Protein backbone atom coordinates (compact mmCIF):
# COMPACT_ATOMS: atom_id res chain seq x y z
CA UNK A 1 -22.03 1.86 -11.83
CA UNK A 2 -21.25 -1.18 -14.10
CA UNK A 3 -23.53 -4.21 -13.28
CA UNK A 4 -20.33 -6.28 -12.41
CA UNK A 5 -19.33 -3.14 -10.15
CA UNK A 6 -22.89 -3.43 -8.60
CA UNK A 7 -22.44 -6.99 -7.58
CA UNK A 8 -19.02 -6.52 -5.65
CA UNK A 9 -20.16 -3.07 -3.80
CA UNK A 10 -20.84 -3.50 -0.29
CA UNK A 11 -22.61 -0.32 -0.18
CA UNK A 12 -25.87 -1.76 -1.42
CA UNK A 13 -28.16 -4.59 -0.48
CA UNK A 14 -28.94 -6.34 2.55
CA UNK A 15 -26.40 -5.85 5.06
CA UNK A 16 -26.24 -9.50 6.61
CA UNK A 17 -26.20 -10.98 2.93
CA UNK A 18 -23.86 -8.53 1.77
CA UNK A 19 -21.32 -9.27 4.74
CA UNK A 20 -21.67 -13.24 4.49
CA UNK A 21 -21.25 -13.33 0.75
CA UNK A 22 -18.29 -11.30 1.11
CA UNK A 23 -16.75 -12.82 3.97
CA UNK A 24 -17.38 -16.41 2.82
CA UNK A 25 -14.71 -16.56 -0.01
CA UNK A 26 -12.05 -14.64 2.53
CA UNK A 27 -13.02 -17.72 4.68
CA UNK A 28 -12.56 -20.50 2.39
CA UNK A 29 -9.27 -18.53 1.09
CA UNK A 30 -7.92 -18.57 4.53
CA UNK A 31 -9.01 -22.13 4.75
CA UNK A 32 -7.06 -23.26 1.83
CA UNK A 33 -4.31 -20.74 2.82
CA UNK A 34 -3.79 -22.69 6.34
CA UNK A 35 -3.97 -25.96 4.32
CA UNK A 36 -1.36 -24.70 2.05
CA UNK A 37 0.82 -23.64 4.91
CA UNK A 38 -0.04 -27.05 7.00
CA UNK A 39 1.16 -29.33 3.90
CA UNK A 40 4.64 -28.84 4.56
CA UNK A 41 4.23 -29.54 8.36
CA UNK A 42 2.12 -32.85 7.57
CA UNK A 43 4.03 -33.98 5.13
CA UNK A 44 7.70 -33.14 6.24
CA UNK A 45 6.60 -34.49 9.65
CA UNK A 46 5.42 -37.87 8.35
CA UNK A 47 8.22 -38.56 5.80
CA UNK A 48 11.43 -36.68 7.43
CA UNK A 49 10.78 -37.30 11.47
CA UNK A 50 10.76 -35.29 14.36
CA UNK A 51 13.68 -32.76 13.73
CA UNK A 52 12.55 -31.80 10.21
CA UNK A 53 9.35 -30.92 11.75
CA UNK A 54 10.41 -28.88 14.41
CA UNK A 55 12.15 -26.90 11.78
CA UNK A 56 9.51 -26.44 9.66
CA UNK A 57 6.84 -26.18 12.35
CA UNK A 58 8.82 -23.15 14.04
CA UNK A 59 8.62 -21.08 10.94
CA UNK A 60 5.42 -19.39 11.54
CA UNK A 61 6.71 -16.31 13.43
CA UNK A 62 9.87 -15.71 11.80
CA UNK A 63 8.01 -15.73 8.34
CA UNK A 64 5.83 -13.33 10.02
CA UNK A 65 8.25 -11.15 11.40
CA UNK A 66 9.86 -10.64 8.00
CA UNK A 67 6.54 -10.39 5.93
CA UNK A 68 4.29 -8.86 8.32
CA UNK A 69 5.41 -5.22 8.01
CA UNK A 70 4.57 -5.38 4.36
CA UNK A 71 1.43 -7.13 4.30
CA UNK A 72 0.20 -4.88 7.21
CA UNK A 73 1.15 -1.42 4.91
CA UNK A 74 -0.86 -3.46 2.15
CA UNK A 75 -4.00 -3.08 4.75
CA UNK A 76 -3.36 0.84 4.19
CA UNK A 77 -3.71 0.37 0.52
CA UNK A 78 -6.71 -1.75 0.77
CA UNK A 79 -8.51 1.05 2.95
CA UNK A 80 -7.66 3.92 0.31
CA UNK A 81 -8.78 1.30 -2.57
CA UNK A 82 -12.08 0.65 -0.80
CA UNK A 83 -12.80 4.45 0.06
CA UNK A 84 -12.32 5.77 -3.19
CA UNK A 85 -14.13 2.68 -4.82
CA UNK A 86 -17.13 3.41 -2.58
CA UNK A 87 -17.03 7.41 -3.49
CA UNK A 88 -16.85 6.31 -7.34
CA UNK A 89 -13.48 8.04 -7.67
CA UNK A 90 -11.94 5.87 -10.15
CA UNK A 91 -9.05 7.79 -10.90
CA UNK A 92 -7.85 8.23 -7.49
CA UNK A 93 -8.70 4.55 -7.18
CA UNK A 94 -6.28 3.34 -10.17
CA UNK A 95 -3.25 5.64 -9.09
CA UNK A 96 -3.58 4.15 -5.62
CA UNK A 97 -3.57 0.47 -7.37
CA UNK A 98 -0.37 1.12 -9.52
CA UNK A 99 1.60 2.67 -6.62
CA UNK A 100 0.68 -0.14 -4.53
CA UNK A 101 1.87 -2.61 -7.21
CA UNK A 102 5.04 -0.71 -7.49
CA UNK A 103 5.60 -0.83 -3.62
CA UNK A 104 4.99 -4.50 -3.89
CA UNK A 105 7.89 -5.18 -6.29
CA UNK A 106 10.39 -3.04 -4.19
CA UNK A 107 9.32 -4.70 -0.72
CA UNK A 108 9.64 -8.32 -2.30
CA UNK A 109 13.14 -7.51 -3.67
CA UNK A 110 14.22 -5.93 -0.19
CA UNK A 111 12.34 -8.93 1.69
CA UNK A 112 14.61 -11.58 -0.48
CA UNK A 113 18.00 -10.00 0.26
CA UNK A 114 17.09 -9.64 3.98
CA UNK A 115 15.79 -13.14 4.54
CA UNK A 116 18.40 -14.56 3.07
CA UNK A 117 21.08 -12.74 4.68
CA UNK A 118 19.64 -12.49 8.37
CA UNK A 119 18.18 -16.17 8.25
CA UNK A 120 21.07 -17.29 10.63
CA UNK A 121 21.52 -14.92 12.85
CA UNK A 122 17.55 -14.66 13.45
CA UNK A 123 17.38 -18.03 14.13
CA UNK A 124 20.24 -18.40 16.39
CA UNK A 125 18.63 -15.44 18.52
CA UNK A 126 15.63 -17.63 18.85
CA UNK A 127 17.51 -20.24 20.64
CA UNK A 128 16.86 -22.71 17.95
CA UNK A 129 18.65 -25.96 18.80
CA UNK A 130 21.41 -27.39 17.14
CA UNK A 131 20.08 -30.32 16.14
CA UNK A 132 17.28 -28.34 14.29
CA UNK A 133 19.51 -25.64 12.90
CA UNK A 134 20.74 -26.86 9.96
CA UNK A 135 17.53 -27.69 8.54
CA UNK A 136 15.78 -24.62 9.70
CA UNK A 137 18.36 -22.11 7.80
CA UNK A 138 17.90 -24.23 4.83
CA UNK A 139 14.14 -24.32 4.80
CA UNK A 140 13.97 -20.29 5.61
CA UNK A 141 16.41 -19.24 3.10
CA UNK A 142 14.76 -21.20 0.20
CA UNK A 143 11.22 -19.59 1.14
CA UNK A 144 12.37 -16.06 1.47
CA UNK A 145 13.79 -16.69 -2.17
CA UNK A 146 9.95 -16.42 -3.17
CA UNK A 147 9.34 -13.38 -1.20
CA UNK A 148 8.31 -11.35 -4.35
CA UNK A 149 5.42 -13.41 -4.98
CA UNK A 150 4.38 -13.62 -1.57
CA UNK A 151 4.38 -9.73 -1.12
CA UNK A 152 2.79 -9.33 -4.58
CA UNK A 153 0.11 -11.94 -4.13
CA UNK A 154 -0.97 -10.56 -0.78
CA UNK A 155 -0.92 -7.13 -2.09
CA UNK A 156 -3.15 -8.32 -5.38
CA UNK A 157 -5.49 -10.08 -3.16
CA UNK A 158 -5.82 -6.96 -1.04
CA UNK A 159 -6.81 -4.97 -4.42
CA UNK A 160 -9.26 -7.25 -5.24
CA UNK A 161 -10.76 -7.64 -1.90
CA UNK A 162 -10.99 -3.75 -1.74
CA UNK A 163 -13.44 -3.65 -4.57
CA UNK A 164 -15.36 -6.37 -3.27
CA UNK A 165 -13.98 -9.25 -5.20
CA UNK A 166 -13.22 -12.16 -2.85
CA UNK A 167 -14.16 -14.96 -5.12
CA UNK A 168 -11.14 -14.86 -7.71
CA UNK A 169 -8.43 -14.87 -4.82
CA UNK A 170 -10.15 -18.08 -3.59
CA UNK A 171 -10.12 -19.70 -6.80
CA UNK A 172 -6.50 -19.10 -7.62
CA UNK A 173 -5.59 -20.13 -3.82
CA UNK A 174 -7.47 -23.47 -4.34
CA UNK A 175 -5.50 -24.23 -7.37
CA UNK A 176 -2.05 -23.23 -5.71
CA UNK A 177 -2.68 -24.87 -2.68
CA UNK A 178 -3.32 -28.29 -4.29
CA UNK A 179 -0.24 -27.56 -6.58
CA UNK A 180 1.82 -27.08 -2.99
CA UNK A 181 0.46 -30.37 -1.95
CA UNK A 182 1.13 -32.49 -5.22
CA UNK A 183 4.79 -30.74 -5.14
CA UNK A 184 5.41 -31.43 -1.71
CA UNK A 185 4.44 -35.42 -1.81
CA UNK A 186 6.58 -35.45 -4.85
CA UNK A 187 9.78 -33.83 -3.78
CA UNK A 188 9.46 -34.92 0.22
CA UNK A 189 7.51 -37.94 -0.17
CA UNK A 190 8.49 -39.34 -3.46
CA UNK A 191 12.30 -38.10 -4.18
CA UNK A 192 12.84 -37.62 -0.30
CA UNK A 193 14.69 -34.33 -1.20
CA UNK A 194 14.70 -32.88 2.60
CA UNK A 195 13.10 -29.63 3.91
CA UNK A 196 14.56 -27.39 1.29
CA UNK A 197 12.12 -29.22 -0.97
CA UNK A 198 9.28 -28.06 0.84
CA UNK A 199 10.28 -24.75 0.82
CA UNK A 200 10.48 -24.76 -2.78
CA UNK A 201 7.44 -26.38 -3.36
CA UNK A 202 5.72 -23.70 -1.47
CA UNK A 203 7.54 -20.69 -3.11
CA UNK A 204 6.73 -22.01 -6.90
CA UNK A 205 3.06 -22.40 -5.48
CA UNK A 206 3.09 -18.62 -4.08
CA UNK A 207 4.79 -17.41 -7.41
CA UNK A 208 1.70 -19.26 -9.39
CA UNK A 209 -0.94 -17.57 -7.22
CA UNK A 210 0.72 -14.36 -7.60
CA UNK A 211 0.95 -14.62 -11.55
CA UNK A 212 -2.92 -15.45 -11.56
CA UNK A 213 -4.03 -12.61 -9.28
CA UNK A 214 -2.10 -10.19 -12.03
CA UNK A 215 -3.54 -11.72 -14.64
CA UNK A 216 -6.96 -11.08 -13.46
CA UNK A 217 -6.09 -7.37 -12.80
CA UNK A 218 -4.72 -7.30 -16.02
CA UNK A 219 -7.44 -8.69 -17.80
CA UNK A 220 -10.56 -7.51 -16.11
CA UNK A 221 -12.95 -5.17 -18.01
CA UNK A 222 -13.71 -3.16 -14.99
CA UNK A 223 -12.80 0.17 -13.65
CA UNK A 224 -9.83 -1.35 -11.38
CA UNK A 225 -7.84 -2.91 -14.35
CA UNK A 226 -4.22 -1.97 -14.27
CA UNK A 227 -1.70 -1.53 -16.71
CA UNK A 228 1.72 -2.79 -16.42
CA UNK A 229 3.10 0.84 -18.22
CA UNK A 230 1.48 2.57 -15.28
CA UNK A 231 3.06 0.81 -12.27
CA UNK A 232 5.10 3.42 -10.67
CA UNK A 233 4.82 5.63 -7.50
CA UNK A 234 2.56 8.51 -7.12
CA UNK A 235 3.70 10.74 -4.28
CA UNK A 236 0.26 11.74 -3.11
CA UNK A 237 -0.93 7.63 -2.95
CA UNK A 238 2.13 6.84 -1.47
CA UNK A 239 1.71 8.98 1.42
CA UNK A 240 -1.49 8.03 1.97
CA UNK A 241 -0.92 4.23 1.85
CA UNK A 242 2.10 4.64 4.16
CA UNK A 243 -0.11 7.05 6.65
CA UNK A 244 -2.88 4.49 6.74
CA UNK A 245 -0.36 1.47 6.23
CA UNK A 246 2.43 1.88 8.53
CA UNK A 247 0.60 1.42 12.04
CA UNK A 248 -0.54 -2.16 10.76
CA UNK A 249 2.75 -2.70 9.21
CA UNK A 250 4.55 -1.84 12.56
CA UNK A 251 1.89 -3.39 14.60
CA UNK A 252 2.36 -6.84 12.59
CA UNK A 253 6.23 -6.58 12.80
CA UNK A 254 6.37 -5.80 16.48
CA UNK A 255 3.68 -8.14 17.43
CA UNK A 256 5.71 -10.71 15.34
CA UNK A 257 8.87 -9.98 17.07
CA UNK A 258 7.02 -10.43 20.31
CA UNK A 259 5.90 -14.02 19.33
CA UNK A 260 9.47 -14.52 18.08
CA UNK A 261 10.73 -14.21 21.71
CA UNK A 262 8.05 -16.09 22.89
CA UNK A 263 9.29 -18.99 20.23
CA UNK A 264 12.48 -18.63 21.48
CA UNK A 265 11.34 -19.24 25.31
CA UNK A 266 9.65 -22.26 23.75
CA UNK A 267 13.01 -23.59 21.87
CA UNK A 268 14.43 -23.59 25.53
CA UNK A 269 12.20 -26.85 26.47
CA UNK A 270 13.58 -28.61 23.45
CA UNK A 271 12.38 -30.08 19.93
CA UNK A 272 9.50 -31.91 21.34
CA UNK A 273 8.06 -28.61 22.82
CA UNK A 274 9.08 -26.99 19.27
CA UNK A 275 7.23 -29.64 17.54
CA UNK A 276 4.28 -29.64 19.75
CA UNK A 277 3.64 -25.96 19.91
CA UNK A 278 4.33 -25.98 16.53
CA UNK A 279 1.50 -28.40 15.51
CA UNK A 280 -0.89 -26.90 18.02
CA UNK A 281 -0.31 -23.37 15.92
CA UNK A 282 -1.20 -25.01 12.77
CA UNK A 283 -4.44 -26.32 14.17
CA UNK A 284 -4.89 -22.98 15.80
CA UNK A 285 -4.60 -21.26 12.24
CA UNK A 286 -7.76 -22.97 11.36
CA UNK A 287 -9.57 -21.68 14.34
CA UNK A 288 -8.62 -18.16 13.64
CA UNK A 289 -10.32 -18.14 10.12
CA UNK A 290 -13.51 -16.94 11.09
CA UNK A 291 -11.64 -14.32 12.94
CA UNK A 292 -9.52 -13.14 10.07
CA UNK A 293 -12.45 -13.34 7.77
CA UNK A 294 -14.93 -11.17 9.41
CA UNK A 295 -12.10 -8.54 10.56
CA UNK A 296 -10.79 -8.49 6.66
CA UNK A 297 -14.42 -7.99 5.67
CA UNK A 298 -15.21 -5.32 7.95
CA UNK A 299 -12.38 -3.56 7.19
CA UNK A 300 -13.75 -3.40 3.36
CA UNK A 301 -17.29 -3.06 4.34
CA UNK A 302 -16.47 0.10 6.75
CA UNK A 303 -14.04 1.83 3.87
CA UNK A 304 -16.61 1.19 1.30
CA UNK A 305 -19.54 2.62 3.14
CA UNK A 306 -17.93 5.49 4.82
CA UNK A 307 -16.46 6.63 1.37
CA UNK A 308 -20.11 6.53 0.15
CA UNK A 309 -21.32 8.50 3.22
CA UNK A 310 -23.57 5.39 4.34
CA UNK A 311 -22.52 5.85 7.95
CA UNK A 312 -25.68 4.12 9.43
CA UNK A 313 -25.27 1.06 7.47
CA UNK A 314 -21.43 1.22 8.48
CA UNK A 315 -22.37 0.89 12.10
CA UNK A 316 -24.96 -1.62 11.60
CA UNK A 317 -22.50 -3.83 9.69
CA UNK A 318 -19.99 -3.34 12.40
CA UNK A 319 -22.22 -4.63 15.14
CA UNK A 320 -23.16 -7.64 12.99
CA UNK A 321 -19.91 -8.91 11.98
CA UNK A 322 -18.62 -8.75 15.61
CA UNK A 323 -21.63 -10.82 17.13
CA UNK A 324 -20.90 -13.26 14.12
CA UNK A 325 -17.22 -13.40 14.70
CA UNK A 326 -17.15 -13.79 18.33
CA UNK A 327 -19.58 -16.59 18.53
CA UNK A 328 -18.08 -18.48 15.83
CA UNK A 329 -14.64 -18.34 17.20
CA UNK A 330 -16.00 -19.48 20.76
CA UNK A 331 -17.91 -22.56 18.98
CA UNK A 332 -14.68 -23.33 17.16
CA UNK A 333 -12.60 -22.99 20.35
CA UNK A 334 -15.05 -25.62 22.09
CA UNK A 335 -14.67 -28.20 19.45
CA UNK A 336 -10.82 -27.72 19.74
CA UNK A 337 -10.74 -28.32 23.29
CA UNK A 338 -12.58 -31.73 22.98
CA UNK A 339 -10.73 -32.78 19.92
CA UNK A 340 -6.86 -31.47 20.56
CA UNK A 341 -5.41 -34.73 20.78
CA UNK A 342 -6.54 -36.09 17.56
CA UNK A 343 -5.87 -32.47 15.74
CA UNK A 344 -2.40 -32.51 17.08
CA UNK A 345 -1.54 -35.72 15.98
CA UNK A 346 -2.64 -35.19 12.43
CA UNK A 347 0.88 -33.53 12.00
CA UNK A 348 2.94 -36.54 13.71
CA UNK A 349 3.99 -39.79 12.20
CA UNK A 350 2.81 -42.47 15.02
CA UNK A 351 3.66 -45.27 12.70
CA UNK A 352 7.54 -45.30 13.78
CA UNK A 353 7.77 -47.26 16.98
CA UNK A 354 11.55 -45.80 17.63
CA UNK A 355 9.88 -42.48 17.82
CA UNK A 356 6.91 -43.35 19.51
CA UNK A 357 7.91 -41.72 23.31
CA UNK A 358 8.46 -38.51 21.38
CA UNK A 359 5.22 -38.74 19.29
CA UNK A 360 3.37 -39.01 22.58
CA UNK A 361 5.15 -35.97 24.29
CA UNK A 362 4.89 -33.90 21.19
CA UNK A 363 1.17 -34.60 21.29
CA UNK A 364 0.54 -34.05 25.00
CA UNK A 365 2.37 -30.72 24.47
CA UNK A 366 0.40 -29.73 21.64
CA UNK A 367 -2.89 -30.76 23.83
CA UNK A 368 -2.04 -28.88 26.70
CA UNK A 369 -1.30 -25.67 25.18
CA UNK A 370 -4.75 -26.09 22.88
CA UNK A 371 -6.70 -26.50 26.34
CA UNK A 372 -5.21 -23.59 27.97
CA UNK A 373 -5.66 -20.91 24.85
CA UNK A 374 -8.96 -22.35 22.75
CA UNK A 375 -11.87 -21.48 25.41
CA UNK A 376 -10.49 -17.81 24.88
CA UNK A 377 -10.82 -17.38 21.28
CA UNK A 378 -13.97 -14.91 21.81
CA UNK A 379 -11.48 -12.48 23.11
CA UNK A 380 -9.12 -12.48 20.25
CA UNK A 381 -12.11 -12.13 17.83
CA UNK A 382 -13.48 -9.45 19.68
CA UNK A 383 -10.32 -7.28 19.35
CA UNK A 384 -9.95 -8.15 15.76
CA UNK A 385 -13.10 -6.94 14.89
CA UNK A 386 -12.68 -3.65 16.46
CA UNK A 387 -8.93 -3.06 15.16
CA UNK A 388 -10.73 -3.88 11.64
CA UNK A 389 -13.35 -1.64 12.20
CA UNK A 390 -10.54 1.20 13.12
CA UNK A 391 -8.60 0.40 10.27
CA UNK A 392 -11.56 1.01 7.79
CA UNK A 393 -12.55 4.23 9.38
CA UNK A 394 -8.94 5.32 8.70
CA UNK A 395 -7.94 5.03 12.74
CA UNK A 396 -5.08 2.39 12.13
CA UNK A 397 -2.90 3.95 14.94
CA UNK A 398 -5.67 2.97 17.67
CA UNK A 399 -5.36 -1.03 17.45
CA UNK A 400 -1.40 -0.29 16.62
CA UNK A 401 -1.21 1.06 19.98
CA UNK A 402 -3.51 -1.57 22.00
CA UNK A 403 -2.03 -4.48 20.13
CA UNK A 404 1.59 -3.35 20.58
CA UNK A 405 0.95 -2.36 24.46
CA UNK A 406 -0.89 -5.96 25.05
CA UNK A 407 0.19 -8.21 22.70
CA UNK A 408 3.75 -7.09 22.87
CA UNK A 409 4.84 -5.09 25.64
CA UNK A 410 2.58 -6.89 28.26
CA UNK A 411 3.27 -10.25 26.70
CA UNK A 412 7.15 -10.05 26.64
CA UNK A 413 7.15 -8.94 30.39
CA UNK A 414 4.99 -11.40 31.50
CA UNK A 415 6.99 -14.34 30.11
CA UNK A 416 10.38 -12.99 30.88
CA UNK A 417 9.45 -12.39 34.74
CA UNK A 418 7.16 -15.49 35.38
CA UNK A 419 9.16 -18.30 33.40
CA UNK A 420 12.39 -16.74 35.63
CA UNK A 421 10.36 -18.11 38.67
CA UNK A 422 8.16 -20.91 37.43
CA UNK A 423 9.83 -23.11 34.57
CA UNK A 424 6.84 -24.52 33.17
CA UNK A 425 5.58 -24.37 29.46
CA UNK A 426 2.24 -23.53 30.63
CA UNK A 427 3.41 -20.12 31.60
CA UNK A 428 3.95 -19.51 28.23
CA UNK A 429 0.55 -20.87 27.01
CA UNK A 430 -1.39 -18.47 29.45
CA UNK A 431 0.42 -15.19 28.26
CA UNK A 432 -2.16 -15.46 25.12
CA UNK A 433 -5.36 -15.73 26.70
CA UNK A 434 -4.32 -13.25 29.50
CA UNK A 435 -3.28 -10.32 26.69
CA UNK A 436 -6.08 -11.04 24.48
CA UNK A 437 -8.25 -10.36 27.58
CA UNK A 438 -6.48 -7.39 28.46
CA UNK A 439 -6.64 -5.89 24.66
CA UNK A 440 -10.61 -7.05 24.59
CA UNK A 441 -11.07 -4.97 27.91
CA UNK A 442 -9.47 -1.82 26.29
CA UNK A 443 -11.05 -2.14 22.95
CA UNK A 444 -14.47 -2.56 24.70
CA UNK A 445 -14.00 0.80 26.37
CA UNK A 446 -13.03 2.62 23.08
CA UNK A 447 -15.81 1.17 21.32
CA UNK A 448 -18.53 2.26 23.69
CA UNK A 449 -16.78 5.69 24.17
CA UNK A 450 -15.54 6.75 20.75
CA UNK A 451 -17.31 8.76 17.85
CA UNK A 452 -15.17 6.99 15.01
CA UNK A 453 -17.90 7.72 12.54
CA UNK A 454 -18.21 11.29 13.29
CA UNK A 455 -14.59 11.76 13.44
CA UNK A 456 -14.45 10.47 9.97
CA UNK A 457 -17.14 12.60 8.99
CA UNK A 458 -15.16 15.74 10.31
CA UNK A 459 -11.91 14.69 8.91
CA UNK A 460 -13.33 14.36 5.38
CA UNK A 461 -16.07 17.20 5.48
CA UNK A 462 -19.16 14.98 4.99
CA UNK A 463 -22.77 15.46 6.07
CA UNK A 464 -24.00 12.25 7.81
CA UNK A 465 -26.23 10.28 5.63
CA UNK A 466 -28.75 7.91 6.78
CA UNK A 467 -29.63 4.33 6.08
CA UNK A 468 -32.62 3.66 7.96
CA UNK A 469 -33.69 0.80 6.19
CA UNK A 470 -30.31 -1.03 5.77
CA UNK A 471 -29.91 -0.57 9.87
CA UNK A 472 -33.26 -2.03 10.55
CA UNK A 473 -32.29 -5.12 9.31
CA UNK A 474 -29.98 -5.94 11.87
CA UNK A 475 -32.30 -5.87 14.33
CA UNK A 476 -33.32 -4.13 17.65
CA UNK A 477 -32.29 -4.42 21.24
CA UNK A 478 -29.19 -4.93 22.72
CA UNK A 479 -27.71 -7.04 20.09
CA UNK A 480 -28.50 -4.53 17.19
CA UNK A 481 -28.95 -1.03 18.86
CA UNK A 482 -27.14 1.82 17.85
CA UNK A 483 -23.31 1.94 18.76
CA UNK A 484 -22.65 4.25 21.42
CA UNK A 485 -21.07 7.27 20.63
């Protein structure tokens, strides 16, 4: 193995150090991604007022609905690439990478056309208020013109992370996030060009970050170097990518659809509720960073180590990742409960006396949502970590079924029934901790009863290896004992 490869491989070295060093750049990347996404809301809210803020703040669920399927499918590609990389099957890995990039280009074009054409209809289905609708349509349509860059960036980051490189995506994201802030301030704050210019700034920045990732893949000297001439579909690899990625893609899209239904119920409470909940959603995005970082890290860690037949190491890493993610998520939840009014107010312009009443109401709603949900982040962390482990082990269908049942079906039924009798926005807020708790209970039962490692061995015809020294590093006792099988 090349020295550069050895540094990135998650199949060697102390487990704690390997996971932390891999997860830290992902955490920082997600942090800057959240800053990237929040810049529009902060700057638009302070320069263009409450209606413009509502138009931008309600964007997350609809964007995730449109983009989530393709990004979820990219997760499947990452699992395939990580497994071939761990097994040192580099020819198959390169074919998977080039197929993945071909998929990204086709998906980006499709998403551009669908997003531009369907935006008005989707926003009306979400019952977007008339005073917000024109600006929302403008924002979304311009945003979706950058869809090729969005999908290509996420696919490229997935490739780099699958081979253990989480640093370069961080560098590129920092640069593009700073560029996005500068362009937002110039277009919105300086030229007062409206919410469309905020979407344009985001699209330009995403294009730059995608280009930087592609250049890195073209210039690297490692085994995963790409060639533009080789970007095409390989039928066998496309089949594997879809097999492992479709469950995640379908899961993302259907959960996003459920969240669009939730957003449509929030919209009924007016633009203040839209802005307040949208502002909390931005705060929540930062709180979820440790959760998503460890979940993504576990998927790659499990994929590489199972591919390398290091089964004990995979189980030990799974335990450690779950414990860290749950502990950090709960600590952050407590802090958000305490600081909620101040965090939500970051997205509001309180200097305008004419809007003071609206501002106070927006902050009140956002704070109420924060204090309803934040103490239950530990449940969300647990669910995401088990889902990441399942995907790394090639069992993406398990989290898909559990999350669709809990986070989609149960959530929608609960809101539809209870809001009909209790017209209080808090009913919507409680939908999240209740469904997180249900999914965590089901995942716990699966975690205790399943034999995901042995099932992987049987499917791939492998004989179990041992990594006694690696496993001992995690520690003994309840926190570090063997995963029940």
